[in-house]
N, C-alpha and C. Protein backbone atom coordinates (compact mmCIF):
# COMPACT_ATOMS: atom_id res chain seq x y z
N MET A 1 52.62 -148.02 35.34
CA MET A 1 52.34 -147.39 36.62
C MET A 1 52.27 -145.88 36.44
N ARG A 2 51.31 -145.24 37.04
CA ARG A 2 51.11 -143.82 36.86
C ARG A 2 51.17 -143.13 38.21
N PHE A 3 51.88 -142.04 38.29
CA PHE A 3 51.99 -141.28 39.54
C PHE A 3 50.69 -140.56 39.80
N LEU A 4 50.20 -140.64 41.04
CA LEU A 4 48.95 -139.99 41.39
C LEU A 4 49.22 -138.60 41.94
N PRO A 5 48.64 -137.56 41.38
CA PRO A 5 48.90 -136.19 41.82
C PRO A 5 48.17 -135.84 43.10
N VAL A 6 48.75 -136.22 44.21
CA VAL A 6 48.15 -135.95 45.51
C VAL A 6 49.19 -135.34 46.41
N SER A 7 48.72 -134.66 47.44
CA SER A 7 49.63 -134.10 48.42
C SER A 7 50.11 -135.21 49.33
N ILE A 8 51.39 -135.17 49.67
CA ILE A 8 51.97 -136.21 50.52
C ILE A 8 52.00 -135.71 51.96
N LEU A 9 51.47 -136.52 52.86
CA LEU A 9 51.48 -136.20 54.28
C LEU A 9 52.82 -136.62 54.85
N PHE A 10 53.44 -135.75 55.64
CA PHE A 10 54.77 -136.02 56.13
C PHE A 10 54.75 -136.24 57.64
N CYS A 11 55.33 -137.36 58.06
CA CYS A 11 55.46 -137.64 59.48
C CYS A 11 56.89 -138.08 59.72
N ALA A 12 57.39 -137.89 60.92
CA ALA A 12 58.79 -138.20 61.19
C ALA A 12 58.92 -139.42 62.07
N VAL A 13 59.85 -140.28 61.71
CA VAL A 13 60.22 -141.42 62.53
C VAL A 13 61.66 -141.22 62.93
N THR A 14 61.94 -141.30 64.22
CA THR A 14 63.30 -141.06 64.66
C THR A 14 63.87 -142.29 65.34
N ALA A 15 65.08 -142.63 64.99
CA ALA A 15 65.81 -143.73 65.61
C ALA A 15 67.22 -143.67 65.05
N SER A 16 68.08 -144.50 65.58
CA SER A 16 69.46 -144.49 65.12
C SER A 16 69.66 -145.52 64.03
N ALA A 17 70.34 -145.13 62.97
CA ALA A 17 70.56 -146.05 61.85
C ALA A 17 71.37 -147.24 62.28
N GLY A 18 71.04 -148.39 61.72
CA GLY A 18 71.82 -149.58 61.98
C GLY A 18 71.48 -150.31 63.26
N GLU A 19 70.47 -149.85 63.99
CA GLU A 19 70.18 -150.51 65.25
C GLU A 19 69.27 -151.72 65.08
N ILE A 20 68.70 -151.91 63.90
CA ILE A 20 67.81 -153.04 63.71
C ILE A 20 68.37 -154.02 62.68
N ARG A 21 67.82 -155.18 62.68
CA ARG A 21 68.17 -156.20 61.69
C ARG A 21 67.57 -155.80 60.34
N GLU A 22 68.37 -155.87 59.27
CA GLU A 22 67.93 -155.44 57.96
C GLU A 22 67.92 -156.61 56.97
N PHE A 23 67.06 -156.50 55.97
CA PHE A 23 66.95 -157.53 54.94
C PHE A 23 67.10 -156.91 53.56
N ASP A 24 67.43 -157.74 52.58
CA ASP A 24 67.51 -157.23 51.21
C ASP A 24 66.09 -156.95 50.69
N LEU A 25 66.00 -156.23 49.57
CA LEU A 25 64.71 -155.75 49.07
C LEU A 25 63.76 -156.90 48.73
N LYS A 26 64.28 -157.98 48.16
CA LYS A 26 63.43 -159.11 47.81
C LYS A 26 62.79 -159.71 49.06
N THR A 27 63.59 -159.83 50.12
CA THR A 27 63.08 -160.37 51.38
C THR A 27 62.10 -159.41 52.03
N VAL A 28 62.39 -158.11 51.97
CA VAL A 28 61.48 -157.09 52.51
C VAL A 28 60.12 -157.19 51.84
N ALA A 29 60.11 -157.30 50.51
CA ALA A 29 58.84 -157.40 49.79
C ALA A 29 58.08 -158.66 50.18
N ARG A 30 58.80 -159.77 50.29
CA ARG A 30 58.15 -161.04 50.63
C ARG A 30 57.60 -161.02 52.04
N LEU A 31 58.39 -160.52 53.00
CA LEU A 31 57.92 -160.46 54.38
C LEU A 31 56.71 -159.53 54.52
N GLY A 32 56.76 -158.39 53.82
CA GLY A 32 55.64 -157.46 53.90
C GLY A 32 54.36 -158.06 53.35
N ALA A 33 54.48 -158.80 52.24
CA ALA A 33 53.31 -159.45 51.66
C ALA A 33 52.78 -160.55 52.58
N GLU A 34 53.68 -161.30 53.21
CA GLU A 34 53.27 -162.33 54.15
C GLU A 34 52.59 -161.72 55.37
N LEU A 35 53.14 -160.61 55.85
CA LEU A 35 52.52 -159.92 56.99
C LEU A 35 51.08 -159.54 56.68
N ALA A 36 50.88 -158.95 55.49
CA ALA A 36 49.53 -158.53 55.11
C ALA A 36 48.59 -159.72 55.01
N ARG A 37 49.09 -160.81 54.45
CA ARG A 37 48.23 -162.00 54.29
C ARG A 37 47.95 -162.69 55.61
N VAL A 38 49.00 -162.98 56.37
CA VAL A 38 48.84 -163.74 57.61
C VAL A 38 48.10 -162.93 58.67
N SER A 39 48.24 -161.60 58.66
CA SER A 39 47.54 -160.77 59.65
C SER A 39 46.02 -160.86 59.50
N GLN A 40 45.55 -161.32 58.33
CA GLN A 40 44.11 -161.45 58.10
C GLN A 40 43.56 -162.82 58.47
N THR A 41 44.43 -163.74 58.88
CA THR A 41 43.97 -165.07 59.27
C THR A 41 43.58 -165.10 60.74
N ALA A 42 42.81 -166.09 61.11
CA ALA A 42 42.30 -166.16 62.48
C ALA A 42 43.41 -166.35 63.51
N ASN A 43 44.42 -167.17 63.20
CA ASN A 43 45.47 -167.46 64.18
C ASN A 43 46.71 -166.59 63.99
N ARG A 44 46.75 -165.79 62.93
CA ARG A 44 47.87 -164.86 62.64
C ARG A 44 49.24 -165.57 62.69
N GLY A 45 49.27 -166.77 62.14
CA GLY A 45 50.53 -167.48 62.02
C GLY A 45 50.89 -168.37 63.20
N ALA A 46 50.15 -168.28 64.28
CA ALA A 46 50.42 -169.13 65.45
C ALA A 46 49.66 -170.44 65.27
N THR A 47 50.12 -171.25 64.32
CA THR A 47 49.37 -172.43 63.89
C THR A 47 49.77 -173.73 64.57
N THR A 48 50.89 -173.72 65.30
CA THR A 48 51.38 -174.93 65.97
C THR A 48 51.77 -174.55 67.40
N PRO A 49 51.94 -175.55 68.27
CA PRO A 49 52.35 -175.23 69.64
C PRO A 49 53.65 -174.42 69.70
N VAL A 50 54.64 -174.75 68.85
CA VAL A 50 55.90 -174.02 68.93
C VAL A 50 55.74 -172.59 68.42
N ARG A 51 54.88 -172.37 67.44
CA ARG A 51 54.64 -171.02 66.94
C ARG A 51 53.84 -170.20 67.95
N LYS A 52 52.93 -170.84 68.65
CA LYS A 52 52.21 -170.15 69.72
C LYS A 52 53.18 -169.78 70.86
N ARG A 53 54.12 -170.69 71.14
CA ARG A 53 55.13 -170.41 72.16
C ARG A 53 56.00 -169.23 71.75
N ALA A 54 56.36 -169.19 70.47
CA ALA A 54 57.16 -168.07 69.96
C ALA A 54 56.41 -166.75 70.12
N ARG A 55 55.13 -166.76 69.82
CA ARG A 55 54.31 -165.55 70.00
C ARG A 55 54.29 -165.12 71.46
N ASP A 56 54.07 -166.07 72.36
CA ASP A 56 54.01 -165.75 73.78
C ASP A 56 55.36 -165.25 74.29
N THR A 57 56.45 -165.84 73.79
CA THR A 57 57.79 -165.39 74.17
C THR A 57 58.01 -163.95 73.73
N ALA A 58 57.56 -163.62 72.54
CA ALA A 58 57.70 -162.26 72.02
C ALA A 58 56.89 -161.28 72.85
N ILE A 59 55.69 -161.66 73.23
CA ILE A 59 54.84 -160.77 74.02
C ILE A 59 55.51 -160.42 75.34
N VAL A 60 56.13 -161.40 75.97
CA VAL A 60 56.85 -161.15 77.22
C VAL A 60 58.04 -160.22 76.98
N ALA A 61 58.78 -160.46 75.91
CA ALA A 61 59.96 -159.65 75.59
C ALA A 61 59.59 -158.20 75.29
N LEU A 62 58.36 -157.96 74.87
CA LEU A 62 57.93 -156.61 74.47
C LEU A 62 57.30 -155.82 75.60
N LYS A 63 57.22 -156.40 76.78
CA LYS A 63 56.62 -155.67 77.90
C LYS A 63 57.40 -154.39 78.18
N GLY A 64 56.67 -153.29 78.25
CA GLY A 64 57.28 -151.99 78.51
C GLY A 64 57.82 -151.30 77.28
N LYS A 65 57.73 -151.95 76.12
CA LYS A 65 58.29 -151.38 74.89
C LYS A 65 57.22 -150.94 73.89
N LEU A 66 55.97 -151.27 74.16
CA LEU A 66 54.90 -150.96 73.21
C LEU A 66 54.39 -149.54 73.41
N PHE A 67 53.78 -149.00 72.37
CA PHE A 67 53.17 -147.68 72.43
C PHE A 67 51.74 -147.79 72.94
N ASN A 68 51.13 -146.66 73.14
CA ASN A 68 49.75 -146.64 73.63
C ASN A 68 48.80 -146.90 72.47
N ALA A 69 48.73 -148.17 72.10
CA ALA A 69 47.91 -148.58 70.96
C ALA A 69 47.51 -150.03 71.13
N SER A 70 46.54 -150.46 70.34
CA SER A 70 46.19 -151.88 70.29
C SER A 70 47.19 -152.59 69.40
N TYR A 71 47.50 -153.83 69.72
CA TYR A 71 48.48 -154.58 68.94
C TYR A 71 47.94 -155.94 68.52
N GLU A 72 48.37 -156.34 67.34
CA GLU A 72 48.15 -157.70 66.86
C GLU A 72 49.51 -158.34 66.67
N TYR A 73 49.62 -159.63 67.00
CA TYR A 73 50.89 -160.34 66.90
C TYR A 73 50.83 -161.34 65.77
N VAL A 74 51.80 -161.23 64.87
CA VAL A 74 51.84 -162.08 63.69
C VAL A 74 53.15 -162.86 63.69
N VAL A 75 53.06 -164.18 63.47
CA VAL A 75 54.24 -165.05 63.49
C VAL A 75 54.58 -165.47 62.07
N LEU A 76 55.82 -165.19 61.65
CA LEU A 76 56.33 -165.61 60.35
C LEU A 76 57.59 -166.43 60.54
N ASP A 77 57.95 -167.19 59.55
CA ASP A 77 59.24 -167.91 59.57
C ASP A 77 60.37 -166.91 59.38
N ASP A 78 61.46 -167.12 60.10
CA ASP A 78 62.63 -166.27 59.94
C ASP A 78 63.29 -166.56 58.60
N PRO A 79 63.61 -165.54 57.81
CA PRO A 79 64.25 -165.77 56.51
C PRO A 79 65.59 -166.50 56.58
N ASP A 80 66.24 -166.51 57.75
CA ASP A 80 67.53 -167.18 57.84
C ASP A 80 67.41 -168.70 57.90
N GLY A 81 66.16 -169.19 57.92
CA GLY A 81 65.94 -170.63 57.84
C GLY A 81 65.68 -171.32 59.16
N SER A 82 65.82 -170.59 60.27
CA SER A 82 65.51 -171.19 61.57
C SER A 82 64.84 -170.14 62.45
N GLY A 83 63.93 -170.60 63.27
CA GLY A 83 63.27 -169.67 64.18
C GLY A 83 62.17 -168.88 63.52
N PHE A 84 61.76 -167.82 64.23
CA PHE A 84 60.58 -167.07 63.82
C PHE A 84 60.81 -165.57 63.96
N LEU A 85 60.03 -164.84 63.20
CA LEU A 85 59.90 -163.40 63.41
C LEU A 85 58.49 -163.17 63.91
N VAL A 86 58.37 -162.54 65.06
CA VAL A 86 57.06 -162.20 65.60
C VAL A 86 56.91 -160.69 65.54
N TYR A 87 55.89 -160.23 64.84
CA TYR A 87 55.65 -158.80 64.68
C TYR A 87 54.53 -158.34 65.61
N ALA A 88 54.79 -157.26 66.30
CA ALA A 88 53.75 -156.57 67.05
C ALA A 88 53.31 -155.40 66.18
N LEU A 89 52.13 -155.53 65.58
CA LEU A 89 51.64 -154.53 64.65
C LEU A 89 50.63 -153.63 65.33
N ALA A 90 50.99 -152.36 65.45
CA ALA A 90 50.05 -151.39 66.03
C ALA A 90 48.91 -151.18 65.04
N HIS A 91 47.70 -151.06 65.56
CA HIS A 91 46.58 -150.80 64.65
C HIS A 91 45.55 -149.94 65.36
N SER A 92 44.77 -149.25 64.57
CA SER A 92 43.73 -148.36 65.08
C SER A 92 42.54 -148.45 64.15
N LYS A 93 41.36 -148.54 64.69
CA LYS A 93 40.16 -148.68 63.89
C LYS A 93 39.98 -147.46 63.00
N ASN A 94 39.84 -147.70 61.71
CA ASN A 94 39.60 -146.64 60.73
C ASN A 94 40.74 -145.63 60.63
N LYS A 95 41.94 -146.05 61.02
CA LYS A 95 43.12 -145.20 60.91
C LYS A 95 44.25 -145.97 60.22
N ILE A 96 45.10 -145.25 59.53
CA ILE A 96 46.31 -145.84 58.97
C ILE A 96 47.42 -145.65 59.99
N VAL A 97 48.12 -146.72 60.32
CA VAL A 97 49.21 -146.65 61.29
C VAL A 97 50.53 -146.86 60.57
N LEU A 98 51.38 -145.84 60.58
CA LEU A 98 52.67 -145.94 59.90
C LEU A 98 53.79 -146.40 60.83
N GLY A 99 53.74 -146.00 62.08
CA GLY A 99 54.81 -146.34 63.02
C GLY A 99 54.26 -147.10 64.21
N GLY A 100 55.16 -147.42 65.14
CA GLY A 100 54.74 -148.12 66.35
C GLY A 100 54.87 -149.62 66.28
N HIS A 101 55.33 -150.15 65.14
CA HIS A 101 55.48 -151.59 64.99
C HIS A 101 56.83 -152.07 65.56
N LEU A 102 56.85 -153.30 66.05
CA LEU A 102 58.07 -153.91 66.56
C LEU A 102 58.21 -155.32 66.02
N ARG A 103 59.44 -155.81 66.03
CA ARG A 103 59.72 -157.16 65.51
C ARG A 103 60.63 -157.89 66.49
N VAL A 104 60.28 -159.12 66.80
CA VAL A 104 61.07 -159.93 67.72
C VAL A 104 61.58 -161.16 66.98
N THR A 105 62.89 -161.39 67.04
CA THR A 105 63.48 -162.61 66.49
C THR A 105 63.47 -163.66 67.59
N VAL A 106 62.83 -164.80 67.33
CA VAL A 106 62.64 -165.84 68.35
C VAL A 106 63.30 -167.13 67.86
N SER A 107 63.89 -167.85 68.79
CA SER A 107 64.60 -169.10 68.48
C SER A 107 63.66 -170.16 67.91
N ALA A 108 64.26 -171.20 67.31
CA ALA A 108 63.49 -172.24 66.64
C ALA A 108 62.58 -173.02 67.58
N ASP A 109 62.96 -173.11 68.85
CA ASP A 109 62.10 -173.82 69.81
C ASP A 109 61.02 -172.91 70.40
N GLY A 110 61.05 -171.64 70.02
CA GLY A 110 60.04 -170.70 70.48
C GLY A 110 60.24 -170.19 71.90
N LYS A 111 61.38 -170.54 72.53
CA LYS A 111 61.56 -170.23 73.95
C LYS A 111 62.39 -168.98 74.23
N LYS A 112 63.18 -168.53 73.25
CA LYS A 112 64.11 -167.43 73.51
C LYS A 112 63.91 -166.28 72.53
N ALA A 113 63.75 -165.08 73.09
CA ALA A 113 63.72 -163.87 72.27
C ALA A 113 65.16 -163.44 72.05
N GLU A 114 65.64 -163.60 70.82
CA GLU A 114 67.05 -163.34 70.53
C GLU A 114 67.35 -161.86 70.33
N ARG A 115 66.36 -161.09 69.86
CA ARG A 115 66.52 -159.65 69.75
C ARG A 115 65.17 -159.00 69.53
N VAL A 116 65.07 -157.75 69.95
CA VAL A 116 63.85 -156.97 69.75
C VAL A 116 64.22 -155.75 68.92
N ASP A 117 63.53 -155.56 67.81
CA ASP A 117 63.78 -154.42 66.93
C ASP A 117 62.56 -153.51 66.90
N ALA A 118 62.76 -152.27 67.34
CA ALA A 118 61.72 -151.26 67.20
C ALA A 118 61.81 -150.72 65.78
N LEU A 119 60.77 -150.90 65.00
CA LEU A 119 60.79 -150.50 63.60
C LEU A 119 60.47 -149.02 63.42
N SER A 120 60.20 -148.35 64.50
CA SER A 120 60.12 -146.89 64.55
C SER A 120 60.11 -146.53 66.04
N HIS A 121 60.33 -145.28 66.33
CA HIS A 121 60.24 -144.81 67.71
C HIS A 121 59.06 -143.89 67.91
N SER A 122 58.14 -143.89 66.95
CA SER A 122 56.96 -143.04 67.05
C SER A 122 55.74 -143.81 66.59
N LEU A 123 54.61 -143.51 67.20
CA LEU A 123 53.34 -144.05 66.76
C LEU A 123 52.73 -143.02 65.81
N LEU A 124 52.66 -143.36 64.53
CA LEU A 124 52.27 -142.39 63.51
C LEU A 124 50.89 -142.70 62.95
N LEU A 125 50.01 -141.71 63.05
CA LEU A 125 48.65 -141.85 62.52
C LEU A 125 48.39 -140.68 61.57
N PRO A 126 48.69 -140.83 60.29
CA PRO A 126 48.47 -139.73 59.34
C PRO A 126 47.01 -139.30 59.36
N PRO A 127 46.76 -138.01 59.35
CA PRO A 127 45.36 -137.53 59.37
C PRO A 127 44.65 -137.79 58.05
N PHE A 128 43.33 -137.99 58.15
CA PHE A 128 42.52 -138.10 56.96
C PHE A 128 42.18 -136.69 56.48
N GLY A 129 41.53 -136.57 55.35
CA GLY A 129 41.16 -135.26 54.82
C GLY A 129 40.12 -134.57 55.68
N SER A 130 39.87 -133.31 55.37
CA SER A 130 38.93 -132.51 56.17
C SER A 130 37.52 -133.09 56.16
N LYS A 131 37.21 -133.84 55.11
CA LYS A 131 35.89 -134.48 55.02
C LYS A 131 35.97 -135.97 55.30
N GLY A 132 37.06 -136.36 55.93
CA GLY A 132 37.23 -137.76 56.28
C GLY A 132 37.72 -138.63 55.17
N GLU A 133 38.25 -138.01 54.08
CA GLU A 133 38.74 -138.81 52.96
C GLU A 133 40.03 -139.52 53.34
N LYS A 134 40.11 -140.78 52.97
CA LYS A 134 41.32 -141.55 53.19
C LYS A 134 42.40 -141.07 52.22
N PRO A 135 43.63 -140.79 52.71
CA PRO A 135 44.69 -140.35 51.81
C PRO A 135 45.09 -141.45 50.84
N ILE A 136 45.53 -141.04 49.66
CA ILE A 136 46.01 -142.00 48.67
C ILE A 136 47.48 -142.30 48.90
N VAL A 137 48.22 -141.29 49.37
CA VAL A 137 49.65 -141.42 49.65
C VAL A 137 49.93 -140.96 51.07
N VAL A 138 50.70 -141.73 51.81
CA VAL A 138 51.18 -141.31 53.12
C VAL A 138 52.70 -141.35 53.09
N SER A 139 53.32 -140.50 53.88
CA SER A 139 54.77 -140.38 53.79
C SER A 139 55.39 -140.23 55.16
N MET A 140 56.64 -140.69 55.27
CA MET A 140 57.39 -140.52 56.51
C MET A 140 58.87 -140.52 56.19
N SER A 141 59.66 -140.02 57.14
CA SER A 141 61.11 -140.16 57.04
C SER A 141 61.53 -141.31 57.93
N GLN A 142 62.60 -141.98 57.56
CA GLN A 142 63.05 -143.16 58.30
C GLN A 142 64.54 -143.09 58.57
N SER A 143 64.89 -143.19 59.84
CA SER A 143 66.30 -143.23 60.20
C SER A 143 66.63 -144.47 61.02
N VAL A 144 65.64 -145.34 61.21
CA VAL A 144 65.86 -146.55 62.00
C VAL A 144 66.73 -147.56 61.28
N SER A 145 66.79 -147.45 59.95
CA SER A 145 67.61 -148.38 59.18
C SER A 145 68.05 -147.70 57.89
N ASN A 146 68.97 -148.33 57.20
CA ASN A 146 69.43 -147.83 55.91
C ASN A 146 68.72 -148.48 54.73
N LYS A 147 67.82 -149.39 55.03
CA LYS A 147 67.07 -150.08 53.99
C LYS A 147 65.57 -149.98 54.28
N PRO A 148 64.74 -150.09 53.24
CA PRO A 148 63.29 -150.06 53.46
C PRO A 148 62.84 -151.20 54.36
N LEU A 149 61.70 -151.01 55.00
CA LEU A 149 61.20 -151.99 55.96
C LEU A 149 59.97 -152.72 55.44
N GLU A 150 59.83 -153.95 55.86
CA GLU A 150 58.71 -154.77 55.43
C GLU A 150 57.37 -154.25 55.93
N THR A 151 57.37 -153.50 57.03
CA THR A 151 56.12 -152.95 57.52
C THR A 151 55.55 -151.88 56.59
N CYS A 152 56.40 -151.28 55.76
CA CYS A 152 55.91 -150.32 54.76
C CYS A 152 55.16 -151.05 53.65
N VAL A 153 55.67 -152.22 53.27
CA VAL A 153 54.96 -153.06 52.30
C VAL A 153 53.63 -153.51 52.90
N TYR A 154 53.68 -153.94 54.14
CA TYR A 154 52.46 -154.36 54.85
C TYR A 154 51.42 -153.24 54.87
N THR A 155 51.84 -152.02 55.22
CA THR A 155 50.91 -150.90 55.30
C THR A 155 50.29 -150.60 53.93
N SER A 156 51.11 -150.63 52.89
CA SER A 156 50.59 -150.35 51.55
C SER A 156 49.53 -151.38 51.15
N LEU A 157 49.79 -152.65 51.44
CA LEU A 157 48.84 -153.70 51.10
C LEU A 157 47.63 -153.69 52.02
N HIS A 158 47.86 -153.56 53.31
CA HIS A 158 46.79 -153.64 54.30
C HIS A 158 45.81 -152.48 54.18
N ASP A 159 46.37 -151.28 53.99
CA ASP A 159 45.53 -150.08 53.96
C ASP A 159 45.25 -149.56 52.56
N LYS A 160 45.81 -150.25 51.56
CA LYS A 160 45.59 -149.88 50.16
C LYS A 160 45.96 -148.42 49.91
N VAL A 161 47.18 -148.08 50.32
CA VAL A 161 47.72 -146.73 50.11
C VAL A 161 49.12 -146.86 49.53
N ILE A 162 49.60 -145.78 48.94
CA ILE A 162 50.99 -145.69 48.52
C ILE A 162 51.77 -145.12 49.69
N VAL A 163 52.88 -145.74 50.02
CA VAL A 163 53.71 -145.28 51.13
C VAL A 163 55.02 -144.72 50.55
N SER A 164 55.33 -143.50 50.93
CA SER A 164 56.57 -142.85 50.51
C SER A 164 57.48 -142.71 51.73
N VAL A 165 58.73 -143.14 51.60
CA VAL A 165 59.66 -143.12 52.72
C VAL A 165 60.96 -142.43 52.32
N GLY A 166 61.33 -141.40 53.05
CA GLY A 166 62.61 -140.74 52.84
C GLY A 166 63.62 -141.25 53.84
N MET A 167 64.76 -141.72 53.35
CA MET A 167 65.79 -142.29 54.22
C MET A 167 66.72 -141.17 54.68
N THR A 168 66.78 -140.94 55.96
CA THR A 168 67.60 -139.83 56.46
C THR A 168 69.07 -140.16 56.55
N ASN A 169 69.41 -141.46 56.53
CA ASN A 169 70.81 -141.85 56.69
C ASN A 169 71.37 -142.58 55.47
N ASP A 170 70.70 -142.49 54.35
CA ASP A 170 71.17 -143.17 53.15
C ASP A 170 71.09 -142.23 51.95
N ASN A 171 71.85 -141.14 52.05
CA ASN A 171 71.92 -140.16 50.96
C ASN A 171 70.56 -139.63 50.56
N ALA A 172 69.67 -139.55 51.54
CA ALA A 172 68.33 -138.98 51.32
C ALA A 172 67.55 -139.70 50.22
N LYS A 173 67.79 -140.99 50.07
CA LYS A 173 67.02 -141.76 49.09
C LYS A 173 65.54 -141.77 49.47
N VAL A 174 64.70 -141.83 48.45
CA VAL A 174 63.26 -141.91 48.67
C VAL A 174 62.76 -143.21 48.03
N TRP A 175 61.97 -143.95 48.79
CA TRP A 175 61.42 -145.21 48.31
C TRP A 175 59.90 -145.11 48.29
N MET A 176 59.31 -145.72 47.27
CA MET A 176 57.86 -145.78 47.17
C MET A 176 57.41 -147.23 47.27
N PHE A 177 56.39 -147.46 48.06
CA PHE A 177 55.81 -148.79 48.24
C PHE A 177 54.41 -148.78 47.65
N ILE A 178 54.22 -149.55 46.60
CA ILE A 178 52.91 -149.66 45.96
C ILE A 178 52.54 -151.13 45.98
N GLY A 179 51.71 -151.50 46.93
CA GLY A 179 51.43 -152.91 47.14
C GLY A 179 52.70 -153.61 47.57
N ASP A 180 53.04 -154.73 46.91
CA ASP A 180 54.26 -155.44 47.27
C ASP A 180 55.44 -155.05 46.38
N LYS A 181 55.30 -153.95 45.65
CA LYS A 181 56.38 -153.45 44.80
C LYS A 181 57.10 -152.30 45.50
N ILE A 182 58.43 -152.31 45.38
CA ILE A 182 59.26 -151.29 46.01
C ILE A 182 60.06 -150.58 44.92
N TYR A 183 59.98 -149.26 44.91
CA TYR A 183 60.66 -148.48 43.89
C TYR A 183 61.56 -147.44 44.55
N GLU A 184 62.80 -147.35 44.09
CA GLU A 184 63.65 -146.24 44.50
C GLU A 184 63.34 -145.07 43.58
N MET A 185 63.03 -143.92 44.16
CA MET A 185 62.63 -142.77 43.37
C MET A 185 63.86 -142.04 42.83
N THR A 186 64.45 -142.64 41.82
CA THR A 186 65.58 -142.02 41.13
C THR A 186 65.06 -140.92 40.21
N PRO A 187 65.94 -139.99 39.80
CA PRO A 187 65.50 -138.95 38.86
C PRO A 187 64.89 -139.53 37.59
N GLU A 188 65.44 -140.65 37.12
CA GLU A 188 64.93 -141.28 35.91
C GLU A 188 63.51 -141.81 36.12
N LEU A 189 63.29 -142.45 37.27
CA LEU A 189 61.95 -142.98 37.53
C LEU A 189 60.96 -141.85 37.76
N MET A 190 61.38 -140.80 38.46
CA MET A 190 60.49 -139.67 38.70
C MET A 190 60.07 -139.03 37.37
N LYS A 191 61.00 -138.95 36.44
CA LYS A 191 60.67 -138.41 35.12
C LYS A 191 59.69 -139.32 34.40
N GLN A 192 59.91 -140.62 34.52
CA GLN A 192 59.02 -141.60 33.89
C GLN A 192 57.60 -141.48 34.45
N LEU A 193 57.51 -141.22 35.75
CA LEU A 193 56.20 -141.12 36.40
C LEU A 193 55.56 -139.75 36.22
N GLY A 194 56.31 -138.81 35.65
CA GLY A 194 55.77 -137.48 35.43
C GLY A 194 55.76 -136.59 36.65
N VAL A 195 56.58 -136.92 37.67
CA VAL A 195 56.61 -136.13 38.89
C VAL A 195 57.11 -134.73 38.60
N ASN A 196 58.20 -134.60 37.86
CA ASN A 196 58.77 -133.29 37.59
C ASN A 196 57.79 -132.43 36.79
N ASP A 197 57.09 -133.04 35.85
CA ASP A 197 56.12 -132.29 35.06
C ASP A 197 55.00 -131.74 35.92
N GLN A 198 54.59 -132.56 36.89
CA GLN A 198 53.52 -132.10 37.78
C GLN A 198 53.99 -130.96 38.67
N GLU A 199 55.24 -131.04 39.11
CA GLU A 199 55.78 -129.97 39.94
C GLU A 199 55.81 -128.66 39.17
N LYS A 200 56.14 -128.71 37.86
CA LYS A 200 56.22 -127.51 37.06
C LYS A 200 54.86 -126.87 36.85
N LYS A 201 53.81 -127.68 36.89
CA LYS A 201 52.46 -127.17 36.66
C LYS A 201 51.88 -126.48 37.88
N LYS A 202 52.53 -126.66 39.04
CA LYS A 202 51.99 -126.07 40.27
C LYS A 202 52.18 -124.57 40.27
């Protein structure tokens, strides 16, 4: 893997740490990859009556909580083995959307929204270049949780960009999302990628 020498666009996401449901890194990577895959299907995971009911339950639970954007709803199995996760994914034509996504945990019968997690409190649309060039790397700070989020994996896969996330409540750790791979940007890894060398050349 080679670090790409590009300028990182910085956007801020604000929320309180620990307010959302968190998953381990392996689950985050798997959910993000599933989001990217299922979001491209015609039914977006609502393949059975109970899954369609779960989607509709989530839509009702999200009334008044969405941002001023278009949304797609994707239904995945809950990693805990029962019920569903329904994602409201903000999207914009020809734009990369970093924030504005929400996640609803729905019961196994699809009838009850057990919790609603705002995965950011801002709708983030990183600007393209002056000539309309799509950025190679997009970046944001995250305080909504202490662990990386599956929507960052989704964004990296869906928009074919590298996503850099600085954690404001976890010792300022920085995570990089390259496709379905998640890397903690430790000093050792940064040296391996040649980040420090590039900084010295500036």
